[in-house]
Amino acid sequence: MSLYKNLFKQTAIYGIATVVPRMFSFLLTPLYTSPGVMDLDQYGKVSIIFSWIIFFNVLLAYGMETAFFRFYNSEDKKQVISTSTISLIWSSVIFLSLALLGRNYLAAVLGIEPEYITYTIWVLVLDALVIIPFSLLRAQGRPIFYAFIKVGNVVFNLLLNVFFLLWLPKMAQDPDSFFATIYTPDFEVGYVFIANVLASFATLLALAPHYLRLSWHFNRELWKRMMHYSLPVMVAGIAYAINESFSRPLMQYMNVPESEIGTYSACYRLTLFMTLFTTAYRLGIEPFFFSQAGNDNAKQTYATVTRYFVIFGSVIFLGVVAFADVFKWILLRDKAFWEAMDVVPFVILGSFFLGIYTNLSVWYKLSDQTKMGAYISLLGAVVTLVFNIALIPIWSYMGSAIGSVMAYGTMMVVSYKLGAKYYPIPYNVRRMTFYTGVAILLACMSFYIPILRSTYIFGIAAFAGYIWLVYKLEKDSLLKFIKK
């Protein structure tokens, strides 16, 4: 029993370490979108650069974190730690040297100022250097310290943003003060990335003992096997990065104004409610999926769990869309950022489909066909690029939002079809489709019909009515499932 208790404890702590930082980063949105802090162009530039950071984070990690866990318990631990660490050190140093030398060229190609490129390079390198130290904390069962560093990074970053964007301009109003000498007007975007550099550097300092204890022995043969394992993981990661964030650089490349990219990115942040739900759910449910694999009724359990994910996810989807005009007052403080609110139902629906896909992907994880996950992700990336390239010139950021729904919807359907062939699970597709369809219908009515959107009466009634419908249809089985 103590084994399961410890597993639950660690899962809960890792969940906190993942979800809490997202909640703190959530607070950056109302900060960035407050009147007088950033305009639409500046926020658009920030979102574009962060999209590139997500993409290059995958490249600089090249799946080594996953390879570390794969080999840590089957090979000599010291060899795995030192080889993976040294590999990431050398790749990071090479990237740092080449990127700094070619930063002006990168700036010209990416359409980003060279100084912002410099900050981004340092963030990427510093983040790459803590991949194995963080992985080792997890492998050694030190979730509390892991969570402390993860949460501390985001809190420090948040405080630095508040200092640079809110406090420093006020303290620099006295021309004779020290703060006036370090303050640069109209440098909001730069301050955002300086804060990220400082927070990443502080994280590296906190994990520096890892490097002091390292044996510094590089096993070439082990490294080759780790790379053979890690590179397909990198491919899947690149596909995920394309699906999740590549639309912003693509819009920039297709001459969409940065102001429109900014308002789209700000409104996209409303997906955070769905993202927090799916992330917390995944952290808790994945160990459960694997622990149930040997049971006779495992497949029925997977089907039941997925059905309730769809139920709770559809409630969140309907609630966020129906009350989006309330959330925009909280998140998007400057009314200029409200221009792209029409994308909200699409981007949240796309996030919901991604969550369903995560549930449906249990088949290739349990049947040892993980390469199929990479293929499905690549298919999603292709759909993302095709729809974005086709629709952005016509509908601007709305085309990108539609592309998100189509990509994740395609991944969801394909995963279900392949799972039915290789690892059939008796999903109640009719019931799940019914709940999703009703939620989408009510959400679109409350959001896109002006007379219904102008008052919250319909939204409240739709939300309450939907919960009542779910309760009536699921009362007995839901109470039994929760009690179990």
Protein backbone atom coordinates (compact mmCIF):
# COMPACT_ATOMS: atom_id res chain seq x y z
CA MET A 1 0.00 0.00 0.00
CA SER A 2 2.90 2.36 0.77
CA LEU A 3 4.09 1.96 -2.85
CA TYR A 4 0.78 3.27 -4.21
CA LYS A 5 0.67 5.99 -1.60
CA ASN A 6 4.14 7.16 -2.62
CA LEU A 7 3.18 6.99 -6.32
CA PHE A 8 0.11 9.14 -5.69
CA LYS A 9 2.14 11.61 -3.63
CA GLN A 10 4.78 12.03 -6.33
CA THR A 11 2.17 12.31 -9.08
CA ALA A 12 0.38 15.02 -7.11
CA ILE A 13 3.59 16.98 -6.53
CA TYR A 14 4.64 16.75 -10.17
CA GLY A 15 1.15 17.87 -11.08
CA ILE A 16 1.57 20.92 -8.87
CA ALA A 17 4.97 21.58 -10.43
CA THR A 18 3.35 21.62 -13.87
CA VAL A 19 0.00 23.27 -13.24
CA VAL A 20 1.01 25.97 -10.75
CA PRO A 21 3.64 27.51 -13.08
CA ARG A 22 1.02 27.64 -15.82
CA MET A 23 -1.30 29.45 -13.43
CA PHE A 24 1.40 31.98 -12.57
CA SER A 25 2.23 32.48 -16.26
CA PHE A 26 -1.50 33.02 -16.70
CA LEU A 27 -1.04 36.21 -14.63
CA LEU A 28 1.39 37.58 -17.23
CA THR A 29 -1.43 37.97 -19.75
CA PRO A 30 -3.37 40.65 -17.83
CA LEU A 31 -0.02 42.30 -17.09
CA TYR A 32 1.05 42.43 -20.75
CA THR A 33 -2.41 43.50 -21.93
CA SER A 34 -2.90 46.26 -19.36
CA PRO A 35 -3.30 49.75 -20.85
CA GLY A 36 0.03 51.48 -21.23
CA VAL A 37 2.18 48.35 -20.80
CA MET A 38 2.23 46.88 -24.31
CA ASP A 39 0.48 47.75 -27.53
CA LEU A 40 -0.78 45.17 -30.02
CA ASP A 41 2.40 45.23 -32.10
CA GLN A 42 4.63 44.63 -29.08
CA TYR A 43 2.50 41.76 -27.80
CA GLY A 44 2.47 40.28 -31.28
CA LYS A 45 6.27 40.39 -31.40
CA VAL A 46 6.49 38.73 -27.96
CA SER A 47 4.14 35.94 -29.05
CA ILE A 48 6.12 35.34 -32.25
CA ILE A 49 9.41 35.05 -30.36
CA PHE A 50 7.91 32.70 -27.78
CA SER A 51 6.63 30.53 -30.63
CA TRP A 52 10.19 30.23 -31.93
CA ILE A 53 11.38 29.41 -28.41
CA ILE A 54 8.93 26.50 -28.21
CA PHE A 55 10.17 25.23 -31.58
CA PHE A 56 13.89 25.54 -30.81
CA ASN A 57 13.46 24.10 -27.32
CA VAL A 58 12.49 20.85 -29.03
CA LEU A 59 15.51 20.99 -31.34
CA LEU A 60 17.98 21.70 -28.53
CA ALA A 61 16.56 18.91 -26.37
CA TYR A 62 16.46 16.45 -29.34
CA GLY A 63 14.56 13.90 -27.25
CA MET A 64 17.44 13.40 -24.79
CA GLU A 65 15.16 13.74 -21.75
CA THR A 66 13.07 10.77 -22.90
CA ALA A 67 16.22 8.80 -23.77
CA PHE A 68 17.59 9.53 -20.30
CA PHE A 69 14.57 7.89 -18.64
CA ARG A 70 14.68 4.98 -21.09
CA PHE A 71 18.32 4.11 -20.30
CA TYR A 72 18.65 5.28 -16.68
CA ASN A 73 17.29 2.08 -15.13
CA SER A 74 18.78 -0.35 -17.66
CA GLU A 75 22.36 0.97 -17.97
CA ASP A 76 25.05 2.23 -15.64
CA LYS A 77 23.41 5.29 -14.07
CA LYS A 78 26.57 7.39 -13.85
CA GLN A 79 27.33 6.71 -17.50
CA VAL A 80 23.83 7.73 -18.57
CA ILE A 81 23.92 10.91 -16.47
CA SER A 82 27.33 12.05 -17.65
CA THR A 83 26.88 11.07 -21.31
CA SER A 84 23.50 12.78 -21.69
CA THR A 85 24.68 15.87 -19.80
CA ILE A 86 27.88 16.23 -21.84
CA SER A 87 25.92 15.71 -25.06
CA LEU A 88 23.58 18.58 -24.21
CA ILE A 89 26.47 20.78 -23.08
CA TRP A 90 28.31 20.37 -26.38
CA SER A 91 25.20 20.80 -28.53
CA SER A 92 24.25 23.90 -26.52
CA VAL A 93 27.73 25.42 -26.82
CA ILE A 94 27.79 24.77 -30.58
CA PHE A 95 24.33 26.30 -30.98
CA LEU A 96 25.29 29.28 -28.81
CA SER A 97 28.42 29.99 -30.85
CA LEU A 98 26.79 29.63 -34.26
CA ALA A 99 23.62 31.48 -33.27
CA LEU A 100 25.47 34.45 -31.77
CA LEU A 101 27.72 34.68 -34.81
CA GLY A 102 24.74 34.54 -37.15
CA ARG A 103 22.26 36.54 -35.07
CA ASN A 104 22.09 39.38 -37.59
CA TYR A 105 21.28 36.88 -40.34
CA LEU A 106 18.68 35.20 -38.10
CA ALA A 107 17.20 38.60 -37.30
CA ALA A 108 16.83 39.36 -41.01
CA VAL A 109 15.30 35.97 -41.81
CA LEU A 110 12.92 35.89 -38.84
CA GLY A 111 12.03 39.58 -38.94
CA ILE A 112 13.06 40.11 -35.30
CA GLU A 113 15.45 42.72 -33.90
CA PRO A 114 19.01 41.38 -33.26
CA GLU A 115 18.92 42.25 -29.55
CA TYR A 116 15.79 40.16 -29.08
CA ILE A 117 17.47 37.32 -30.97
CA THR A 118 20.38 37.52 -28.51
CA TYR A 119 18.11 37.25 -25.47
CA THR A 120 16.23 34.36 -27.08
CA ILE A 121 19.47 32.47 -27.77
CA TRP A 122 20.50 32.72 -24.12
CA VAL A 123 17.08 31.58 -22.91
CA LEU A 124 17.23 28.54 -25.19
CA VAL A 125 20.74 27.56 -24.10
CA LEU A 126 20.07 28.04 -20.38
CA ASP A 127 16.88 25.98 -20.64
CA ALA A 128 18.72 23.19 -22.47
CA LEU A 129 21.37 22.99 -19.76
CA VAL A 130 18.82 22.15 -17.04
CA ILE A 131 17.07 19.34 -18.94
CA ILE A 132 19.12 16.49 -17.43
CA PRO A 133 19.35 18.00 -13.91
CA PHE A 134 15.55 18.19 -13.83
CA SER A 135 15.26 14.68 -15.25
CA LEU A 136 17.64 13.35 -12.60
CA LEU A 137 15.53 14.86 -9.83
CA ARG A 138 12.54 12.94 -11.17
CA ALA A 139 14.55 9.73 -11.58
CA GLN A 140 15.85 9.98 -8.02
CA GLY A 141 12.38 10.57 -6.60
CA ARG A 142 12.87 14.15 -5.40
CA PRO A 143 9.57 15.70 -6.47
CA ILE A 144 9.45 18.39 -3.76
CA PHE A 145 12.76 19.97 -4.79
CA TYR A 146 11.75 19.58 -8.44
CA ALA A 147 8.47 21.41 -7.79
CA PHE A 148 10.21 24.08 -5.71
CA ILE A 149 12.61 24.94 -8.56
CA LYS A 150 9.92 24.83 -11.25
CA VAL A 151 7.50 27.03 -9.34
CA GLY A 152 10.32 29.31 -8.16
CA ASN A 153 11.40 29.91 -11.77
CA VAL A 154 7.96 31.13 -12.80
CA VAL A 155 7.42 33.22 -9.65
CA PHE A 156 10.82 34.90 -10.12
CA ASN A 157 10.02 35.53 -13.78
CA LEU A 158 6.65 37.02 -12.85
CA LEU A 159 8.20 39.33 -10.25
CA LEU A 160 10.86 40.47 -12.72
CA ASN A 161 8.15 41.25 -15.29
CA VAL A 162 6.22 43.27 -12.71
CA PHE A 163 9.39 45.12 -11.76
CA PHE A 164 10.50 45.95 -15.30
CA LEU A 165 7.07 46.74 -16.76
CA LEU A 166 5.25 48.39 -13.83
CA TRP A 167 7.59 49.49 -11.06
CA LEU A 168 10.72 50.57 -12.94
CA PRO A 169 8.96 53.15 -15.20
CA LYS A 170 7.44 54.78 -12.13
CA MET A 171 10.67 54.75 -10.11
CA ALA A 172 12.58 56.18 -13.08
CA GLN A 173 10.40 59.31 -13.23
CA ASP A 174 12.90 61.05 -10.96
CA PRO A 175 15.73 61.89 -13.40
CA ASP A 176 18.29 61.97 -10.56
CA SER A 177 17.48 58.51 -9.24
CA PHE A 178 19.50 55.35 -9.85
CA PHE A 179 16.52 53.75 -11.55
CA ALA A 180 16.45 56.48 -14.19
CA THR A 181 19.96 55.44 -15.27
CA ILE A 182 18.96 51.81 -15.89
CA TYR A 183 15.53 52.43 -17.42
CA THR A 184 15.09 52.42 -21.20
CA PRO A 185 11.81 53.85 -22.52
CA ASP A 186 9.82 51.85 -25.10
CA PHE A 187 11.80 48.72 -24.31
CA GLU A 188 8.91 46.57 -23.02
CA VAL A 189 9.60 43.62 -25.33
CA GLY A 190 13.27 43.62 -24.33
CA TYR A 191 12.40 43.65 -20.64
CA VAL A 192 10.16 40.59 -21.10
CA PHE A 193 13.09 38.59 -22.45
CA ILE A 194 15.61 39.98 -19.97
CA ALA A 195 13.28 38.67 -17.26
CA ASN A 196 13.27 35.26 -18.95
CA VAL A 197 17.07 35.20 -19.22
CA LEU A 198 17.49 36.08 -15.53
CA ALA A 199 14.90 33.51 -14.43
CA SER A 200 16.52 30.77 -16.54
CA PHE A 201 19.96 31.68 -15.22
CA ALA A 202 18.70 31.54 -11.63
CA THR A 203 17.30 28.06 -12.33
CA LEU A 204 20.65 26.92 -13.69
CA LEU A 205 22.39 28.25 -10.55
CA ALA A 206 19.95 26.35 -8.34
CA LEU A 207 20.77 23.15 -10.21
CA ALA A 208 24.53 23.81 -10.45
CA PRO A 209 25.41 21.05 -7.92
CA HIS A 210 24.48 18.57 -10.65
CA TYR A 211 27.50 19.71 -12.67
CA LEU A 212 29.80 19.71 -9.64
CA ARG A 213 29.00 16.04 -8.96
CA LEU A 214 29.27 14.94 -12.59
CA SER A 215 31.85 12.25 -13.47
CA TRP A 216 32.50 13.90 -16.87
CA HIS A 217 32.89 10.58 -18.69
CA PHE A 218 31.41 10.37 -22.19
CA ASN A 219 30.41 6.90 -23.43
CA ARG A 220 30.33 7.10 -27.23
CA GLU A 221 28.56 3.78 -27.78
CA LEU A 222 25.90 4.58 -25.18
CA TRP A 223 25.44 8.00 -26.76
CA LYS A 224 24.82 6.45 -30.18
CA ARG A 225 22.10 4.21 -28.75
CA MET A 226 20.54 7.11 -26.86
CA MET A 227 20.52 9.23 -30.01
CA HIS A 228 18.95 6.40 -31.99
CA TYR A 229 16.17 6.34 -29.42
CA SER A 230 15.81 10.10 -28.99
CA LEU A 231 15.68 11.39 -32.56
CA PRO A 232 12.20 9.95 -33.36
CA VAL A 233 11.03 11.60 -30.13
CA MET A 234 12.42 14.88 -31.44
CA VAL A 235 10.46 14.46 -34.68
CA ALA A 236 7.24 14.02 -32.73
CA GLY A 237 8.15 17.06 -30.61
CA ILE A 238 8.72 19.19 -33.71
CA ALA A 239 5.33 18.13 -35.04
CA TYR A 240 3.75 19.11 -31.70
CA ALA A 241 5.51 22.50 -31.75
CA ILE A 242 4.20 23.15 -35.25
CA ASN A 243 0.65 22.27 -34.19
CA GLU A 244 0.82 24.33 -31.02
CA SER A 245 2.61 27.54 -31.93
CA PHE A 246 3.95 27.77 -35.47
CA SER A 247 0.94 29.70 -36.71
CA ARG A 248 2.35 32.98 -35.31
CA PRO A 249 5.63 32.93 -37.28
CA LEU A 250 3.67 31.70 -40.28
CA MET A 251 1.28 34.63 -40.04
CA GLN A 252 4.25 36.97 -39.80
CA TYR A 253 5.79 35.35 -42.90
CA MET A 254 2.48 35.80 -44.74
CA ASN A 255 2.49 39.53 -43.92
CA VAL A 256 -0.25 39.50 -41.29
CA PRO A 257 0.31 42.69 -39.23
CA GLU A 258 1.92 42.14 -35.84
CA SER A 259 -1.02 43.94 -34.27
CA GLU A 260 -3.37 41.20 -35.53
CA ILE A 261 -0.97 38.51 -34.36
CA GLY A 262 -0.92 40.22 -30.97
CA THR A 263 -4.67 40.33 -30.53
CA TYR A 264 -4.99 36.72 -31.77
CA SER A 265 -2.32 35.52 -29.32
CA ALA A 266 -3.96 37.39 -26.45
CA CYS A 267 -7.38 35.88 -27.14
CA TYR A 268 -5.76 32.47 -27.62
CA ARG A 269 -4.74 32.64 -23.96
CA LEU A 270 -8.33 31.86 -23.00
CA THR A 271 -7.52 28.25 -23.86
CA LEU A 272 -5.57 28.12 -20.61
CA PHE A 273 -8.65 26.90 -18.72
CA MET A 274 -8.88 23.86 -20.99
CA THR A 275 -5.09 23.41 -20.98
CA LEU A 276 -4.93 23.34 -17.18
CA PHE A 277 -7.72 20.76 -17.08
CA THR A 278 -6.14 18.47 -19.67
CA THR A 279 -2.65 18.80 -18.18
CA ALA A 280 -3.72 18.03 -14.62
CA TYR A 281 -5.88 15.18 -15.90
CA ARG A 282 -3.06 13.68 -17.99
CA LEU A 283 -0.57 13.78 -15.11
CA GLY A 284 -2.97 11.87 -12.90
CA ILE A 285 -4.47 9.47 -15.41
CA GLU A 286 -1.45 8.19 -17.36
CA PRO A 287 -0.03 6.18 -14.42
CA PHE A 288 -3.58 4.86 -13.86
CA PHE A 289 -3.84 3.71 -17.49
CA PHE A 290 -0.64 1.68 -17.23
CA SER A 291 -1.49 0.29 -13.79
CA GLN A 292 -4.79 -1.07 -15.19
CA ALA A 293 -3.26 -2.65 -18.30
CA GLY A 294 -3.18 -6.18 -16.85
CA ASN A 295 -6.75 -6.20 -15.57
CA ASP A 296 -9.46 -8.13 -17.37
CA ASN A 297 -11.78 -5.12 -17.56
CA ALA A 298 -9.04 -2.61 -18.44
CA LYS A 299 -10.52 -1.67 -21.81
CA GLN A 300 -13.93 -0.98 -20.32
CA THR A 301 -12.25 1.17 -17.67
CA TYR A 302 -10.43 3.18 -20.37
CA ALA A 303 -13.72 3.70 -22.20
CA THR A 304 -15.45 4.92 -19.04
CA VAL A 305 -12.62 7.28 -18.09
CA THR A 306 -12.57 8.78 -21.59
CA ARG A 307 -16.32 9.33 -21.51
CA TYR A 308 -16.05 11.32 -18.31
CA PHE A 309 -13.14 13.29 -19.70
CA VAL A 310 -15.40 14.30 -22.59
CA ILE A 311 -18.16 15.23 -20.15
CA PHE A 312 -15.99 17.45 -17.94
CA GLY A 313 -14.14 18.87 -20.93
CA SER A 314 -17.36 19.80 -22.69
CA VAL A 315 -18.59 21.53 -19.51
CA ILE A 316 -15.38 23.61 -19.43
CA PHE A 317 -15.64 24.34 -23.15
CA LEU A 318 -19.24 25.55 -22.84
CA GLY A 319 -18.52 27.53 -19.67
CA VAL A 320 -15.51 29.39 -21.10
CA VAL A 321 -17.22 30.20 -24.40
CA ALA A 322 -20.54 31.22 -22.82
CA PHE A 323 -18.78 33.54 -20.36
CA ALA A 324 -15.88 34.58 -22.58
CA ASP A 325 -16.96 38.22 -22.36
CA VAL A 326 -16.48 38.01 -18.59
CA PHE A 327 -13.07 36.41 -18.83
CA LYS A 328 -11.86 38.98 -21.34
CA TRP A 329 -12.34 41.74 -18.74
CA ILE A 330 -10.10 39.77 -16.36
CA LEU A 331 -7.42 38.64 -18.82
CA LEU A 332 -7.33 41.24 -21.57
CA ARG A 333 -7.26 44.53 -19.71
CA ASP A 334 -6.90 46.73 -22.78
CA LYS A 335 -10.00 46.68 -25.00
CA ALA A 336 -7.79 46.84 -28.09
CA PHE A 337 -7.00 43.16 -27.52
CA TRP A 338 -10.67 42.16 -27.83
CA GLU A 339 -10.68 42.42 -31.59
CA ALA A 340 -9.93 38.71 -32.10
CA MET A 341 -12.50 37.36 -29.63
CA ASP A 342 -14.32 35.57 -32.46
CA VAL A 343 -11.54 32.94 -32.51
CA VAL A 344 -12.17 31.89 -28.91
CA PRO A 345 -14.65 29.04 -29.58
CA PHE A 346 -12.38 27.63 -32.27
CA VAL A 347 -9.13 27.65 -30.29
CA ILE A 348 -10.77 26.22 -27.16
CA LEU A 349 -12.46 23.52 -29.23
CA GLY A 350 -9.08 22.67 -30.74
CA SER A 351 -7.59 22.37 -27.25
CA PHE A 352 -10.51 20.13 -26.25
CA PHE A 353 -9.93 17.87 -29.27
CA LEU A 354 -6.25 17.63 -28.29
CA GLY A 355 -7.30 16.46 -24.83
CA ILE A 356 -9.58 13.80 -26.31
CA TYR A 357 -6.75 12.70 -28.60
CA THR A 358 -4.50 12.28 -25.53
CA ASN A 359 -7.07 9.90 -24.07
CA LEU A 360 -7.49 7.99 -27.30
CA SER A 361 -3.71 7.62 -27.69
CA VAL A 362 -3.61 5.04 -24.89
CA TRP A 363 -3.79 2.28 -27.53
CA TYR A 364 -0.37 2.87 -29.06
CA LYS A 365 1.26 3.40 -25.66
CA LEU A 366 -0.05 0.10 -24.30
CA SER A 367 0.57 -1.88 -27.48
CA ASP A 368 4.21 -0.65 -27.80
CA GLN A 369 3.55 1.16 -31.08
CA THR A 370 4.75 4.58 -29.99
CA LYS A 371 6.04 5.33 -33.48
CA MET A 372 2.39 5.62 -34.48
CA GLY A 373 2.13 8.60 -32.15
CA ALA A 374 4.90 10.32 -34.13
CA TYR A 375 3.11 9.56 -37.41
CA ILE A 376 -0.17 10.99 -36.10
CA SER A 377 1.60 14.11 -34.82
CA LEU A 378 3.28 14.58 -38.20
CA LEU A 379 -0.11 14.24 -39.89
CA GLY A 380 -1.46 16.91 -37.56
CA ALA A 381 1.47 19.18 -38.44
CA VAL A 382 0.78 18.75 -42.15
CA VAL A 383 -2.91 19.59 -41.64
CA THR A 384 -1.91 22.64 -39.59
CA LEU A 385 0.41 23.94 -42.30
CA VAL A 386 -2.03 23.23 -45.16
CA PHE A 387 -4.99 24.98 -43.54
CA ASN A 388 -2.90 27.88 -42.29
CA ILE A 389 -1.30 28.47 -45.70
CA ALA A 390 -4.68 28.17 -47.43
CA LEU A 391 -6.81 30.22 -45.02
CA ILE A 392 -4.56 32.90 -43.50
CA PRO A 393 -4.46 34.94 -46.75
CA ILE A 394 -8.27 34.86 -46.78
CA TRP A 395 -9.30 35.14 -43.12
CA SER A 396 -6.10 36.18 -41.34
CA TYR A 397 -5.91 34.79 -37.77
CA MET A 398 -9.35 33.20 -38.08
CA GLY A 399 -7.84 30.89 -40.68
CA SER A 400 -5.21 29.86 -38.15
CA ALA A 401 -7.88 29.14 -35.53
CA ILE A 402 -9.77 26.95 -38.00
CA GLY A 403 -6.51 25.17 -38.83
CA SER A 404 -6.02 24.36 -35.14
CA VAL A 405 -9.45 22.73 -34.92
CA MET A 406 -8.89 20.76 -38.12
CA ALA A 407 -5.43 19.54 -37.06
CA TYR A 408 -6.41 18.32 -33.61
CA GLY A 409 -9.74 17.01 -34.91
CA THR A 410 -7.88 14.99 -37.54
CA MET A 411 -5.47 13.59 -34.96
CA MET A 412 -8.40 12.66 -32.73
CA VAL A 413 -10.31 10.83 -35.47
CA VAL A 414 -7.24 9.06 -36.90
CA SER A 415 -6.15 7.89 -33.45
CA TYR A 416 -9.63 6.50 -32.80
CA LYS A 417 -9.73 4.67 -36.14
CA LEU A 418 -6.26 3.13 -35.72
CA GLY A 419 -6.97 2.24 -32.11
CA ALA A 420 -10.12 0.39 -33.19
CA LYS A 421 -7.90 -1.71 -35.46
CA TYR A 422 -4.88 -2.40 -33.24
CA TYR A 423 -6.27 -2.14 -29.69
CA PRO A 424 -10.08 -1.97 -29.75
CA ILE A 425 -11.63 -0.20 -26.76
CA PRO A 426 -15.44 -0.10 -26.39
CA TYR A 427 -15.86 3.66 -26.35
CA ASN A 428 -19.44 4.92 -26.20
CA VAL A 429 -18.91 7.06 -29.29
CA ARG A 430 -22.57 7.93 -29.66
CA ARG A 431 -22.82 9.32 -26.12
CA MET A 432 -19.53 11.22 -26.35
CA THR A 433 -20.50 12.69 -29.73
CA PHE A 434 -23.86 13.73 -28.29
CA TYR A 435 -22.30 15.58 -25.35
CA THR A 436 -19.71 17.29 -27.54
CA GLY A 437 -22.29 18.26 -30.18
CA VAL A 438 -24.73 19.74 -27.65
CA ALA A 439 -21.93 21.72 -25.97
CA ILE A 440 -20.74 23.08 -29.32
CA LEU A 441 -24.28 24.03 -30.36
CA LEU A 442 -25.06 25.86 -27.12
CA ALA A 443 -21.66 27.55 -27.06
CA CYS A 444 -22.00 28.83 -30.64
CA MET A 445 -25.53 30.07 -29.99
CA SER A 446 -24.49 31.97 -26.87
CA PHE A 447 -21.40 33.43 -28.56
CA TYR A 448 -22.25 34.10 -32.18
CA ILE A 449 -25.92 35.19 -31.97
CA PRO A 450 -25.74 38.88 -30.97
CA ILE A 451 -29.09 39.06 -29.20
CA LEU A 452 -28.14 36.06 -27.03
CA ARG A 453 -24.60 37.27 -26.41
CA SER A 454 -25.71 40.74 -25.33
CA THR A 455 -27.13 39.28 -22.13
CA TYR A 456 -25.83 36.47 -19.95
CA ILE A 457 -29.29 35.02 -19.39
CA PHE A 458 -29.00 32.52 -22.24
CA GLY A 459 -25.41 31.63 -21.34
CA ILE A 460 -26.35 30.96 -17.71
CA ALA A 461 -29.41 28.97 -18.75
CA ALA A 462 -27.42 26.98 -21.35
CA PHE A 463 -24.64 26.19 -18.89
CA ALA A 464 -27.01 25.20 -16.09
CA GLY A 465 -29.22 23.24 -18.47
CA TYR A 466 -26.26 21.33 -19.86
CA ILE A 467 -25.05 20.35 -16.39
CA TRP A 468 -28.60 19.22 -15.53
CA LEU A 469 -28.71 17.14 -18.74
CA VAL A 470 -25.43 15.46 -17.88
CA TYR A 471 -26.61 14.81 -14.34
CA LYS A 472 -29.85 13.20 -15.53
CA LEU A 473 -28.08 10.95 -18.02
CA GLU A 474 -25.03 10.05 -15.94
CA LYS A 475 -26.17 10.29 -12.32
CA ASP A 476 -26.01 6.63 -11.37
CA SER A 477 -22.88 5.64 -13.25
CA LEU A 478 -21.04 8.87 -12.37
CA LEU A 479 -21.67 8.52 -8.65
CA LYS A 480 -20.56 4.90 -8.80
CA PHE A 481 -17.42 5.83 -10.73
CA ILE A 482 -16.46 8.66 -8.31
CA LYS A 483 -17.08 6.41 -5.29
CA LYS A 484 -14.96 3.65 -6.88
